[in-house]
PDB file of N, CA and C in Angstrom:
ATOM      1  N   MET A   1      69.019 105.294 141.763  1.00  0.00           N
ATOM      2  CA  MET A   1      70.209 106.089 142.022  1.00  0.00           C
ATOM      3  C   MET A   1      70.760 106.598 140.699  1.00  0.00           C
ATOM      4  N   ALA A   2      71.042 107.866 140.609  1.00  0.00           N
ATOM      5  CA  ALA A   2      71.539 108.468 139.373  1.00  0.00           C
ATOM      6  C   ALA A   2      73.009 108.097 139.168  1.00  0.00           C
ATOM      7  N   ASN A   3      73.399 108.003 137.906  1.00  0.00           N
ATOM      8  CA  ASN A   3      74.803 107.735 137.594  1.00  0.00           C
ATOM      9  C   ASN A   3      75.615 109.000 137.810  1.00  0.00           C
ATOM     10  N   ALA A   4      76.704 108.857 138.539  1.00  0.00           N
ATOM     11  CA  ALA A   4      77.600 109.997 138.767  1.00  0.00           C
ATOM     12  C   ALA A   4      78.565 110.098 137.603  1.00  0.00           C
ATOM     13  N   LYS A   5      78.845 111.307 137.185  1.00  0.00           N
ATOM     14  CA  LYS A   5      79.790 111.533 136.098  1.00  0.00           C
ATOM     15  C   LYS A   5      80.979 112.297 136.653  1.00  0.00           C
ATOM     16  N   LEU A   6      82.173 111.773 136.416  1.00  0.00           N
ATOM     17  CA  LEU A   6      83.393 112.427 136.863  1.00  0.00           C
ATOM     18  C   LEU A   6      83.661 113.629 135.968  1.00  0.00           C
ATOM     19  N   VAL A   7      83.862 114.781 136.584  1.00  0.00           N
ATOM     20  CA  VAL A   7      84.129 116.007 135.839  1.00  0.00           C
ATOM     21  C   VAL A   7      85.616 116.308 135.955  1.00  0.00           C
ATOM     22  N   GLU A   8      86.252 116.501 134.835  1.00  0.00           N
ATOM     23  CA  GLU A   8      87.678 116.827 134.794  1.00  0.00           C
ATOM     24  C   GLU A   8      87.835 118.334 134.920  1.00  0.00           C
ATOM     25  N   ASN A   9      88.469 118.791 136.011  1.00  0.00           N
ATOM     26  CA  ASN A   9      88.621 120.223 136.266  1.00  0.00           C
ATOM     27  C   ASN A   9      90.025 120.736 135.968  1.00  0.00           C
ATOM     28  N   ARG A  10      90.866 119.965 135.368  1.00  0.00           N
ATOM     29  CA  ARG A  10      92.241 120.380 135.124  1.00  0.00           C
ATOM     30  C   ARG A  10      92.300 121.437 134.031  1.00  0.00           C
ATOM     31  N   GLU A  11      93.218 122.382 134.215  1.00  0.00           N
ATOM     32  CA  GLU A  11      93.372 123.471 133.258  1.00  0.00           C
ATOM     33  C   GLU A  11      94.418 123.170 132.199  1.00  0.00           C
ATOM     34  N   ALA A  12      95.263 122.160 132.424  1.00  0.00           N
ATOM     35  CA  ALA A  12      96.349 121.852 131.491  1.00  0.00           C
ATOM     36  C   ALA A  12      96.419 120.343 131.263  1.00  0.00           C
ATOM     37  N   GLN A  13      96.883 119.968 130.092  1.00  0.00           N
ATOM     38  CA  GLN A  13      97.028 118.561 129.759  1.00  0.00           C
ATOM     39  C   GLN A  13      98.094 117.919 130.641  1.00  0.00           C
ATOM     40  N   ARG A  14      97.794 116.730 131.156  1.00  0.00           N
ATOM     41  CA  ARG A  14      98.757 115.993 131.975  1.00  0.00           C
ATOM     42  C   ARG A  14      99.533 115.019 131.093  1.00  0.00           C
ATOM     43  N   PHE A  15     100.790 114.806 131.457  1.00  0.00           N
ATOM     44  CA  PHE A  15     101.643 113.848 130.763  1.00  0.00           C
ATOM     45  C   PHE A  15     102.147 112.836 131.777  1.00  0.00           C
ATOM     46  N   GLN A  16     101.983 111.561 131.466  1.00  0.00           N
ATOM     47  CA  GLN A  16     102.518 110.534 132.347  1.00  0.00           C
ATOM     48  C   GLN A  16     104.038 110.592 132.288  1.00  0.00           C
ATOM     49  N   LEU A  17     104.648 110.750 133.446  1.00  0.00           N
ATOM     50  CA  LEU A  17     106.096 110.867 133.520  1.00  0.00           C
ATOM     51  C   LEU A  17     106.545 110.331 134.873  1.00  0.00           C
ATOM     52  N   ALA A  18     107.189 109.183 134.859  1.00  0.00           N
ATOM     53  CA  ALA A  18     107.669 108.555 136.094  1.00  0.00           C
ATOM     54  C   ALA A  18     109.167 108.811 136.210  1.00  0.00           C
ATOM     55  N   VAL A  19     109.541 109.849 136.956  1.00  0.00           N
ATOM     56  CA  VAL A  19     110.946 110.200 137.173  1.00  0.00           C
ATOM     57  C   VAL A  19     111.155 110.495 138.663  1.00  0.00           C
ATOM     58  N   PRO A  20     112.405 110.353 139.138  1.00  0.00           N
ATOM     59  CA  PRO A  20     112.687 110.671 140.536  1.00  0.00           C
ATOM     60  C   PRO A  20     112.390 112.147 140.840  1.00  0.00           C
ATOM     61  N   VAL A  21     111.851 112.373 142.040  1.00  0.00           N
ATOM     62  CA  VAL A  21     111.535 113.724 142.491  1.00  0.00           C
ATOM     63  C   VAL A  21     112.101 113.904 143.899  1.00  0.00           C
ATOM     64  N   PHE A  22     112.847 114.975 144.092  1.00  0.00           N
ATOM     65  CA  PHE A  22     113.314 115.360 145.418  1.00  0.00           C
ATOM     66  C   PHE A  22     112.361 116.439 145.922  1.00  0.00           C
ATOM     67  N   LEU A  23     111.912 116.319 147.161  1.00  0.00           N
ATOM     68  CA  LEU A  23     110.929 117.243 147.739  1.00  0.00           C
ATOM     69  C   LEU A  23     111.535 117.960 148.934  1.00  0.00           C
ATOM     70  N   ARG A  24     111.187 119.236 149.085  1.00  0.00           N
ATOM     71  CA  ARG A  24     111.621 120.002 150.256  1.00  0.00           C
ATOM     72  C   ARG A  24     110.471 120.911 150.671  1.00  0.00           C
ATOM     73  N   TRP A  25     110.198 120.957 151.986  1.00  0.00           N
ATOM     74  CA  TRP A  25     109.151 121.833 152.512  1.00  0.00           C
ATOM     75  C   TRP A  25     109.441 122.138 153.975  1.00  0.00           C
ATOM     76  N   ARG A  26     108.709 123.084 154.522  1.00  0.00           N
ATOM     77  CA  ARG A  26     108.822 123.450 155.938  1.00  0.00           C
ATOM     78  C   ARG A  26     107.625 122.849 156.679  1.00  0.00           C
ATOM     79  N   SER A  27     107.905 122.252 157.830  1.00  0.00           N
ATOM     80  CA  SER A  27     106.838 121.689 158.657  1.00  0.00           C
ATOM     81  C   SER A  27     106.110 122.809 159.390  1.00  0.00           C
ATOM     82  N   GLY A  28     105.080 122.453 160.132  1.00  0.00           N
ATOM     83  CA  GLY A  28     104.313 123.433 160.896  1.00  0.00           C
ATOM     84  C   GLY A  28     105.147 124.182 161.905  1.00  0.00           C
ATOM     85  N   ASP A  29     106.218 123.549 162.432  1.00  0.00           N
ATOM     86  CA  ASP A  29     107.091 124.244 163.373  1.00  0.00           C
ATOM     87  C   ASP A  29     108.364 124.737 162.693  1.00  0.00           C
ATOM     88  N   SER A  30     108.263 124.997 161.385  1.00  0.00           N
ATOM     89  CA  SER A  30     109.326 125.611 160.571  1.00  0.00           C
ATOM     90  C   SER A  30     110.590 124.783 160.403  1.00  0.00           C
ATOM     91  N   LEU A  31     110.524 123.491 160.681  1.00  0.00           N
ATOM     92  CA  LEU A  31     111.661 122.618 160.410  1.00  0.00           C
ATOM     93  C   LEU A  31     111.679 122.267 158.932  1.00  0.00           C
ATOM     94  N   GLN A  32     112.869 122.216 158.340  1.00  0.00           N
ATOM     95  CA  GLN A  32     112.966 121.836 156.935  1.00  0.00           C
ATOM     96  C   GLN A  32     112.832 120.320 156.815  1.00  0.00           C
ATOM     97  N   CYS A  33     111.938 119.874 155.954  1.00  0.00           N
ATOM     98  CA  CYS A  33     111.715 118.453 155.705  1.00  0.00           C
ATOM     99  C   CYS A  33     112.130 118.139 154.275  1.00  0.00           C
ATOM    100  N   GLU A  34     112.645 116.943 154.067  1.00  0.00           N
ATOM    101  CA  GLU A  34     113.051 116.503 152.738  1.00  0.00           C
ATOM    102  C   GLU A  34     112.589 115.062 152.543  1.00  0.00           C
ATOM    103  N   ALA A  35     112.270 114.726 151.310  1.00  0.00           N
ATOM    104  CA  ALA A  35     111.847 113.365 150.989  1.00  0.00           C
ATOM    105  C   ALA A  35     112.126 113.098 149.513  1.00  0.00           C
ATOM    106  N   ASP A  36     112.142 111.829 149.172  1.00  0.00           N
ATOM    107  CA  ASP A  36     112.262 111.405 147.783  1.00  0.00           C
ATOM    108  C   ASP A  36     110.947 110.793 147.343  1.00  0.00           C
ATOM    109  N   GLY A  37     110.680 110.907 146.052  1.00  0.00           N
ATOM    110  CA  GLY A  37     109.468 110.330 145.518  1.00  0.00           C
ATOM    111  C   GLY A  37     109.630 110.010 144.047  1.00  0.00           C
ATOM    112  N   LEU A  38     108.512 109.680 143.420  1.00  0.00           N
ATOM    113  CA  LEU A  38     108.475 109.350 142.003  1.00  0.00           C
ATOM    114  C   LEU A  38     107.247 110.019 141.407  1.00  0.00           C
ATOM    115  N   SER A  39     107.442 110.799 140.349  1.00  0.00           N
ATOM    116  CA  SER A  39     106.292 111.458 139.728  1.00  0.00           C
ATOM    117  C   SER A  39     105.416 110.418 139.030  1.00  0.00           C
ATOM    118  N   ARG A  40     104.123 110.679 138.999  1.00  0.00           N
ATOM    119  CA  ARG A  40     103.178 109.860 138.242  1.00  0.00           C
ATOM    120  C   ARG A  40     102.800 110.579 136.949  1.00  0.00           C
ATOM    121  N   ASP A  41     102.510 111.885 137.101  1.00  0.00           N
ATOM    122  CA  ASP A  41     102.188 112.703 135.933  1.00  0.00           C
ATOM    123  C   ASP A  41     102.482 114.155 136.262  1.00  0.00           C
ATOM    124  N   VAL A  42     102.704 114.942 135.202  1.00  0.00           N
ATOM    125  CA  VAL A  42     102.992 116.359 135.353  1.00  0.00           C
ATOM    126  C   VAL A  42     102.241 117.149 134.286  1.00  0.00           C
ATOM    127  N   SER A  43     102.034 118.414 134.564  1.00  0.00           N
ATOM    128  CA  SER A  43     101.469 119.343 133.584  1.00  0.00           C
ATOM    129  C   SER A  43     102.169 120.674 133.796  1.00  0.00           C
ATOM    130  N   SER A  44     101.769 121.679 133.047  1.00  0.00           N
ATOM    131  CA  SER A  44     102.398 122.992 133.201  1.00  0.00           C
ATOM    132  C   SER A  44     102.034 123.645 134.521  1.00  0.00           C
ATOM    133  N   ASN A  45     101.006 123.148 135.206  1.00  0.00           N
ATOM    134  CA  ASN A  45     100.617 123.768 136.476  1.00  0.00           C
ATOM    135  C   ASN A  45     100.311 122.759 137.576  1.00  0.00           C
ATOM    136  N   GLY A  46     100.867 121.548 137.475  1.00  0.00           N
ATOM    137  CA  GLY A  46     100.618 120.588 138.533  1.00  0.00           C
ATOM    138  C   GLY A  46     101.450 119.328 138.399  1.00  0.00           C
ATOM    139  N   ILE A  47     101.417 118.523 139.465  1.00  0.00           N
ATOM    140  CA  ILE A  47     102.178 117.283 139.518  1.00  0.00           C
ATOM    141  C   ILE A  47     101.503 116.346 140.502  1.00  0.00           C
ATOM    142  N   PHE A  48     101.640 115.042 140.257  1.00  0.00           N
ATOM    143  CA  PHE A  48     101.260 114.047 141.259  1.00  0.00           C
ATOM    144  C   PHE A  48     102.519 113.258 141.571  1.00  0.00           C
ATOM    145  N   VAL A  49     102.803 113.077 142.869  1.00  0.00           N
ATOM    146  CA  VAL A  49     104.033 112.418 143.316  1.00  0.00           C
ATOM    147  C   VAL A  49     103.691 111.288 144.278  1.00  0.00           C
ATOM    148  N   TYR A  50     104.270 110.116 144.028  1.00  0.00           N
ATOM    149  CA  TYR A  50     104.240 109.030 145.007  1.00  0.00           C
ATOM    150  C   TYR A  50     105.419 109.238 145.940  1.00  0.00           C
ATOM    151  N   CYS A  51     105.185 109.157 147.242  1.00  0.00           N
ATOM    152  CA  CYS A  51     106.230 109.400 148.239  1.00  0.00           C
ATOM    153  C   CYS A  51     106.841 108.091 148.716  1.00  0.00           C
ATOM    154  N   ASN A  52     108.152 108.106 148.932  1.00  0.00           N
ATOM    155  CA  ASN A  52     108.822 106.947 149.508  1.00  0.00           C
ATOM    156  C   ASN A  52     108.583 106.885 151.010  1.00  0.00           C
ATOM    157  N   ASP A  53     108.467 108.017 151.654  1.00  0.00           N
ATOM    158  CA  ASP A  53     108.264 108.080 153.102  1.00  0.00           C
ATOM    159  C   ASP A  53     106.996 108.872 153.379  1.00  0.00           C
ATOM    160  N   GLU A  54     107.136 109.955 154.109  1.00  0.00           N
ATOM    161  CA  GLU A  54     105.979 110.779 154.434  1.00  0.00           C
ATOM    162  C   GLU A  54     105.670 111.766 153.310  1.00  0.00           C
ATOM    163  N   CYS A  55     104.404 112.125 153.206  1.00  0.00           N
ATOM    164  CA  CYS A  55     103.987 113.160 152.257  1.00  0.00           C
ATOM    165  C   CYS A  55     103.858 114.480 153.012  1.00  0.00           C
ATOM    166  N   PRO A  56     104.125 115.594 152.338  1.00  0.00           N
ATOM    167  CA  PRO A  56     103.872 116.882 152.996  1.00  0.00           C
ATOM    168  C   PRO A  56     102.371 117.052 153.232  1.00  0.00           C
ATOM    169  N   PRO A  57     101.988 117.735 154.294  1.00  0.00           N
ATOM    170  CA  PRO A  57     100.569 117.948 154.587  1.00  0.00           C
ATOM    171  C   PRO A  57      99.880 118.816 153.532  1.00  0.00           C
ATOM    172  N   ILE A  58      98.564 118.709 153.490  1.00  0.00           N
ATOM    173  CA  ILE A  58      97.773 119.506 152.545  1.00  0.00           C
ATOM    174  C   ILE A  58      98.001 120.994 152.830  1.00  0.00           C
ATOM    175  N   HIS A  59      97.999 121.796 151.791  1.00  0.00           N
ATOM    176  CA  HIS A  59      98.218 123.255 151.806  1.00  0.00           C
ATOM    177  C   HIS A  59      99.662 123.648 152.120  1.00  0.00           C
ATOM    178  N   THR A  60     100.571 122.674 152.105  1.00  0.00           N
ATOM    179  CA  THR A  60     101.983 122.969 152.327  1.00  0.00           C
ATOM    180  C   THR A  60     102.625 123.395 151.019  1.00  0.00           C
ATOM    181  N   HIS A  61     103.514 124.390 151.068  1.00  0.00           N
ATOM    182  CA  HIS A  61     104.273 124.823 149.899  1.00  0.00           C
ATOM    183  C   HIS A  61     105.507 123.933 149.788  1.00  0.00           C
ATOM    184  N   VAL A  62     105.717 123.379 148.590  1.00  0.00           N
ATOM    185  CA  VAL A  62     106.762 122.384 148.380  1.00  0.00           C
ATOM    186  C   VAL A  62     107.642 122.788 147.207  1.00  0.00           C
ATOM    187  N   GLU A  63     108.940 122.549 147.359  1.00  0.00           N
ATOM    188  CA  GLU A  63     109.888 122.681 146.245  1.00  0.00           C
ATOM    189  C   GLU A  63     110.107 121.283 145.678  1.00  0.00           C
ATOM    190  N   PHE A  64     110.034 121.157 144.358  1.00  0.00           N
ATOM    191  CA  PHE A  64     110.232 119.887 143.663  1.00  0.00           C
ATOM    192  C   PHE A  64     111.472 119.994 142.786  1.00  0.00           C
ATOM    193  N   VAL A  65     112.269 118.945 142.730  1.00  0.00           N
ATOM    194  CA  VAL A  65     113.336 118.855 141.740  1.00  0.00           C
ATOM    195  C   VAL A  65     113.163 117.519 141.038  1.00  0.00           C
ATOM    196  N   LEU A  66     112.773 117.578 139.766  1.00  0.00           N
ATOM    197  CA  LEU A  66     112.596 116.379 138.949  1.00  0.00           C
ATOM    198  C   LEU A  66     113.896 116.114 138.212  1.00  0.00           C
ATOM    199  N   THR A  67     114.306 114.863 138.145  1.00  0.00           N
ATOM    200  CA  THR A  67     115.532 114.491 137.443  1.00  0.00           C
ATOM    201  C   THR A  67     115.172 113.561 136.301  1.00  0.00           C
ATOM    202  N   ILE A  68     115.463 114.005 135.081  1.00  0.00           N
ATOM    203  CA  ILE A  68     115.161 113.231 133.875  1.00  0.00           C
ATOM    204  C   ILE A  68     116.472 112.766 133.271  1.00  0.00           C
ATOM    205  N   HIS A  69     116.605 111.457 133.103  1.00  0.00           N
ATOM    206  CA  HIS A  69     117.811 110.865 132.510  1.00  0.00           C
ATOM    207  C   HIS A  69     117.520 110.502 131.054  1.00  0.00           C
ATOM    208  N   ASP A  70     118.536 110.589 130.207  1.00  0.00           N
ATOM    209  CA  ASP A  70     118.368 110.114 128.831  1.00  0.00           C
ATOM    210  C   ASP A  70     119.277 108.908 128.615  1.00  0.00           C
ATOM    211  N   SER A  71     119.242 108.361 127.426  1.00  0.00           N
ATOM    212  CA  SER A  71     119.984 107.134 127.135  1.00  0.00           C
ATOM    213  C   SER A  71     121.496 107.333 127.129  1.00  0.00           C
ATOM    214  N   SER A  72     121.971 108.573 127.049  1.00  0.00           N
ATOM    215  CA  SER A  72     123.414 108.829 127.035  1.00  0.00           C
ATOM    216  C   SER A  72     123.960 109.111 128.438  1.00  0.00           C
ATOM    217  N   ASP A  73     123.168 108.844 129.456  1.00  0.00           N
ATOM    218  CA  ASP A  73     123.544 109.077 130.848  1.00  0.00           C
ATOM    219  C   ASP A  73     123.593 110.553 131.220  1.00  0.00           C
ATOM    220  N   SER A  74     123.078 111.418 130.359  1.00  0.00           N
ATOM    221  CA  SER A  74     122.932 112.828 130.714  1.00  0.00           C
ATOM    222  C   SER A  74     121.677 112.968 131.561  1.00  0.00           C
ATOM    223  N   LYS A  75     121.617 114.032 132.339  1.00  0.00           N
ATOM    224  CA  LYS A  75     120.399 114.264 133.091  1.00  0.00           C
ATOM    225  C   LYS A  75     120.028 115.732 133.093  1.00  0.00           C
ATOM    226  N   LEU A  76     118.744 115.974 133.205  1.00  0.00           N
ATOM    227  CA  LEU A  76     118.170 117.307 133.254  1.00  0.00           C
ATOM    228  C   LEU A  76     117.424 117.421 134.567  1.00  0.00           C
ATOM    229  N   ARG A  77     117.694 118.478 135.316  1.00  0.00           N
ATOM    230  CA  ARG A  77     116.977 118.730 136.564  1.00  0.00           C
ATOM    231  C   ARG A  77     116.036 119.906 136.341  1.00  0.00           C
ATOM    232  N   ILE A  78     114.797 119.720 136.736  1.00  0.00           N
ATOM    233  CA  ILE A  78     113.781 120.755 136.599  1.00  0.00           C
ATOM    234  C   ILE A  78     113.276 121.094 137.999  1.00  0.00           C
ATOM    235  N   ALA A  79     113.400 122.351 138.378  1.00  0.00           N
ATOM    236  CA  ALA A  79     112.913 122.801 139.681  1.00  0.00           C
ATOM    237  C   ALA A  79     111.539 123.435 139.521  1.00  0.00           C
ATOM    238  N   ALA A  80     110.681 123.193 140.496  1.00  0.00           N
ATOM    239  CA  ALA A  80     109.335 123.743 140.465  1.00  0.00           C
ATOM    240  C   ALA A  80     108.867 123.983 141.896  1.00  0.00           C
ATOM    241  N   TYR A  81     107.849 124.807 142.041  1.00  0.00           N
ATOM    242  CA  TYR A  81     107.272 125.114 143.345  1.00  0.00           C
ATOM    243  C   TYR A  81     105.773 124.937 143.260  1.00  0.00           C
ATOM    244  N   GLY A  82     105.182 124.428 144.318  1.00  0.00           N
ATOM    245  CA  GLY A  82     103.741 124.233 144.300  1.00  0.00           C
ATOM    246  C   GLY A  82     103.172 124.095 145.696  1.00  0.00           C
ATOM    247  N   GLU A  83     101.849 123.931 145.746  1.00  0.00           N
ATOM    248  CA  GLU A  83     101.124 123.752 146.996  1.00  0.00           C
ATOM    249  C   GLU A  83     100.360 122.448 146.941  1.00  0.00           C
ATOM    250  N   VAL A  84     100.468 121.644 147.998  1.00  0.00           N
ATOM    251  CA  VAL A  84      99.762 120.366 148.076  1.00  0.00           C
ATOM    252  C   VAL A  84      98.261 120.643 148.134  1.00  0.00           C
ATOM    253  N   VAL A  85      97.507 120.055 147.190  1.00  0.00           N
ATOM    254  CA  VAL A  85      96.061 120.269 147.146  1.00  0.00           C
ATOM    255  C   VAL A  85      95.268 119.008 147.470  1.00  0.00           C
ATOM    256  N   ARG A  86      95.916 117.837 147.412  1.00  0.00           N
ATOM    257  CA  ARG A  86      95.231 116.611 147.819  1.00  0.00           C
ATOM    258  C   ARG A  86      96.252 115.550 148.176  1.00  0.00           C
ATOM    259  N   ILE A  87      95.843 114.655 149.062  1.00  0.00           N
ATOM    260  CA  ILE A  87      96.686 113.552 149.499  1.00  0.00           C
ATOM    261  C   ILE A  87      95.899 112.267 149.311  1.00  0.00           C
ATOM    262  N   ASN A  88      96.561 111.213 148.847  1.00  0.00           N
ATOM    263  CA  ASN A  88      95.894 109.917 148.716  1.00  0.00           C
ATOM    264  C   ASN A  88      95.353 109.475 150.065  1.00  0.00           C
ATOM    265  N   GLY A  89      94.200 108.809 150.037  1.00  0.00           N
ATOM    266  CA  GLY A  89      93.561 108.343 151.255  1.00  0.00           C
ATOM    267  C   GLY A  89      94.090 106.993 151.712  1.00  0.00           C
ATOM    268  N   ALA A  90      93.517 106.511 152.792  1.00  0.00           N
ATOM    269  CA  ALA A  90      93.898 105.209 153.353  1.00  0.00           C
ATOM    270  C   ALA A  90      93.665 104.115 152.319  1.00  0.00           C
ATOM    271  N   GLY A  91      94.554 103.141 152.302  1.00  0.00           N
ATOM    272  CA  GLY A  91      94.433 102.032 151.360  1.00  0.00           C
ATOM    273  C   GLY A  91      95.031 102.327 149.993  1.00  0.00           C
ATOM    274  N   GLN A  92      95.516 103.527 149.781  1.00  0.00           N
ATOM    275  CA  GLN A  92      96.162 103.906 148.526  1.00  0.00           C
ATOM    276  C   GLN A  92      97.646 104.111 148.785  1.00  0.00           C
ATOM    277  N   PRO A  93      98.474 103.990 147.735  1.00  0.00           N
ATOM    278  CA  PRO A  93      99.905 104.267 147.934  1.00  0.00           C
ATOM    279  C   PRO A  93     100.098 105.714 148.390  1.00  0.00           C
ATOM    280  N   PRO A  94     101.092 105.969 149.275  1.00  0.00           N
ATOM    281  CA  PRO A  94     101.306 107.349 149.725  1.00  0.00           C
ATOM    282  C   PRO A  94     101.640 108.255 148.543  1.00  0.00           C
ATOM    283  N   GLY A  95     100.894 109.314 148.391  1.00  0.00           N
ATOM    284  CA  GLY A  95     101.128 110.242 147.298  1.00  0.00           C
ATOM    285  C   GLY A  95     100.272 111.479 147.456  1.00  0.00           C
ATOM    286  N   PHE A  96     100.578 112.501 146.636  1.00  0.00           N
ATOM    287  CA  PHE A  96      99.835 113.749 146.722  1.00  0.00           C
ATOM    288  C   PHE A  96      99.850 114.475 145.390  1.00  0.00           C
ATOM    289  N   GLY A  97      98.858 115.338 145.209  1.00  0.00           N
ATOM    290  CA  GLY A  97      98.782 116.210 144.054  1.00  0.00           C
ATOM    291  C   GLY A  97      99.065 117.635 144.478  1.00  0.00           C
ATOM    292  N   ALA A  98      99.742 118.377 143.611  1.00  0.00           N
ATOM    293  CA  ALA A  98     100.072 119.770 143.916  1.00  0.00           C
ATOM    294  C   ALA A  98      99.840 120.644 142.693  1.00  0.00           C
ATOM    295  N   ASN A  99      99.409 121.870 142.938  1.00  0.00           N
ATOM    296  CA  ASN A  99      99.312 122.899 141.906  1.00  0.00           C
ATOM    297  C   ASN A  99     100.480 123.846 142.101  1.00  0.00           C
ATOM    298  N   GLY A 100     100.880 124.514 141.034  1.00  0.00           N
ATOM    299  CA  GLY A 100     101.950 125.477 141.205  1.00  0.00           C
ATOM    300  C   GLY A 100     102.526 125.966 139.911  1.00  0.00           C
ATOM    301  N   HIS A 101     103.775 126.397 139.978  1.00  0.00           N
ATOM    302  CA  HIS A 101     104.492 126.951 138.839  1.00  0.00           C
ATOM    303  C   HIS A 101     105.461 125.899 138.324  1.00  0.00           C
ATOM    304  N   PHE A 102     105.120 125.337 137.205  1.00  0.00           N
ATOM    305  CA  PHE A 102     105.920 124.264 136.641  1.00  0.00           C
ATOM    306  C   PHE A 102     106.413 124.681 135.266  1.00  0.00           C
ATOM    307  N   ILE A 103     107.559 124.189 134.907  1.00  0.00           N
ATOM    308  CA  ILE A 103     108.216 124.553 133.645  1.00  0.00           C
ATOM    309  C   ILE A 103     107.770 123.587 132.559  1.00  0.00           C
ATOM    310  N   VAL A 104     107.411 124.119 131.415  1.00  0.00           N
ATOM    311  CA  VAL A 104     107.111 123.278 130.254  1.00  0.00           C
ATOM    312  C   VAL A 104     108.353 123.265 129.379  1.00  0.00           C
ATOM    313  N   VAL A 105     108.906 122.098 129.135  1.00  0.00           N
ATOM    314  CA  VAL A 105     110.097 121.954 128.301  1.00  0.00           C
ATOM    315  C   VAL A 105     109.653 121.377 126.970  1.00  0.00           C
ATOM    316  N   ARG A 106     110.031 122.042 125.891  1.00  0.00           N
ATOM    317  CA  ARG A 106     109.642 121.550 124.546  1.00  0.00           C
ATOM    318  C   ARG A 106     110.874 121.276 123.731  1.00  0.00           C
TER     319      ARG A 106
END
Protein backbone atom coordinates (compact mmCIF):
# COMPACT_ATOMS: atom_id res chain seq x y z
CA MET A 1 0.00 0.00 0.00
CA ALA A 2 1.43 3.38 -0.99
CA ASN A 3 1.89 6.11 1.60
CA ALA A 4 -0.68 8.86 1.23
CA LYS A 5 0.59 12.42 1.43
CA LEU A 6 -1.68 15.19 2.67
CA VAL A 7 -1.70 18.09 0.23
CA GLU A 8 -2.30 21.56 1.65
CA ASN A 9 -4.62 23.45 -0.72
CA ARG A 10 -5.03 26.65 1.29
CA GLU A 11 -4.36 29.94 -0.46
CA ALA A 12 -3.64 31.97 2.70
CA GLN A 13 -1.74 31.42 5.92
CA ARG A 14 -3.95 30.34 8.83
CA PHE A 15 -3.59 31.79 12.32
CA GLN A 16 -4.76 29.95 15.41
CA LEU A 17 -7.28 32.23 17.06
CA ALA A 18 -9.79 31.02 19.65
CA VAL A 19 -12.35 33.83 20.07
CA PRO A 20 -16.15 33.92 20.40
CA VAL A 21 -18.02 33.91 17.08
CA PHE A 22 -21.66 34.84 16.52
CA LEU A 23 -23.16 33.14 13.44
CA ARG A 24 -26.20 34.07 11.36
CA TRP A 25 -27.60 32.31 8.28
CA ARG A 26 -30.86 31.49 6.50
CA SER A 27 -32.21 27.94 6.60
CA GLY A 28 -33.56 26.10 3.57
CA ASP A 29 -37.03 27.50 4.28
CA SER A 30 -35.63 31.05 4.64
CA LEU A 31 -35.85 31.19 8.43
CA GLN A 32 -33.09 33.19 10.09
CA CYS A 33 -30.87 30.98 12.25
CA GLU A 34 -28.36 32.15 14.85
CA ALA A 35 -25.74 30.33 16.88
CA ASP A 36 -22.65 30.93 18.98
CA GLY A 37 -19.32 29.28 18.46
CA LEU A 38 -15.58 29.53 18.98
CA SER A 39 -13.06 30.05 16.20
CA ARG A 40 -10.21 27.56 15.86
CA ASP A 41 -8.26 29.36 13.15
CA VAL A 42 -8.72 32.17 10.65
CA SER A 43 -7.07 33.44 7.49
CA SER A 44 -7.76 36.25 5.05
CA ASN A 45 -10.16 33.98 3.14
CA GLY A 46 -11.43 31.39 5.59
CA ILE A 47 -12.32 30.31 9.10
CA PHE A 48 -12.94 27.15 11.10
CA VAL A 49 -15.59 27.41 13.84
CA TYR A 50 -16.57 25.00 16.61
CA CYS A 51 -20.33 25.27 17.17
CA ASN A 52 -22.04 25.29 20.55
CA ASP A 53 -25.27 23.97 19.02
CA GLU A 54 -26.07 23.20 15.41
CA CYS A 55 -23.76 23.97 12.50
CA PRO A 56 -25.07 25.59 9.32
CA PRO A 57 -25.40 23.10 6.45
CA ILE A 58 -22.75 22.78 3.75
CA HIS A 59 -22.94 25.45 0.99
CA THR A 60 -24.84 27.80 3.31
CA HIS A 61 -23.88 31.50 3.28
CA VAL A 62 -23.04 32.63 6.81
CA GLU A 63 -22.40 35.97 8.50
CA PHE A 64 -19.69 35.80 11.20
CA VAL A 65 -18.99 38.31 13.95
CA LEU A 66 -15.73 37.62 15.79
CA THR A 67 -15.18 39.37 19.12
CA ILE A 68 -11.58 39.93 20.23
CA HIS A 69 -10.96 41.16 23.78
CA ASP A 70 -7.72 42.72 25.00
CA SER A 71 -6.28 43.00 28.49
CA SER A 72 -7.85 46.45 29.05
CA ASP A 73 -11.38 45.05 28.62
CA SER A 74 -11.71 46.70 25.21
CA LYS A 75 -13.12 44.63 22.41
CA LEU A 76 -12.95 44.59 18.63
CA ARG A 77 -15.73 43.08 16.53
CA ILE A 78 -14.88 41.85 13.05
CA ALA A 79 -17.69 41.02 10.64
CA ALA A 80 -17.17 38.60 7.78
CA TYR A 81 -19.20 36.62 5.26
CA GLY A 82 -18.52 33.17 3.91
CA GLU A 83 -19.84 29.87 2.61
CA VAL A 84 -19.66 26.59 4.53
CA VAL A 85 -17.35 24.25 2.59
CA ARG A 86 -16.96 21.38 5.06
CA ILE A 87 -18.49 20.06 8.26
CA ASN A 88 -16.81 17.85 10.86
CA GLY A 89 -17.89 14.23 10.63
CA ALA A 90 -19.34 11.89 13.23
CA GLY A 91 -17.17 11.40 16.29
CA GLN A 92 -15.64 14.88 15.96
CA PRO A 93 -16.64 18.04 17.83
CA PRO A 94 -19.37 19.96 15.95
CA GLY A 95 -17.64 22.43 13.67
CA PHE A 96 -17.25 23.64 10.11
CA GLY A 97 -14.89 25.34 7.70
CA ALA A 98 -15.92 28.26 5.52
CA ASN A 99 -14.38 30.26 2.68
CA GLY A 100 -15.25 33.86 2.12
CA HIS A 101 -14.39 37.51 2.54
CA PHE A 102 -12.47 38.03 5.72
CA ILE A 103 -10.73 41.12 7.02
CA VAL A 104 -7.00 41.07 7.71
CA VAL A 105 -6.17 43.35 10.65
CA ARG A 106 -2.53 44.40 11.02
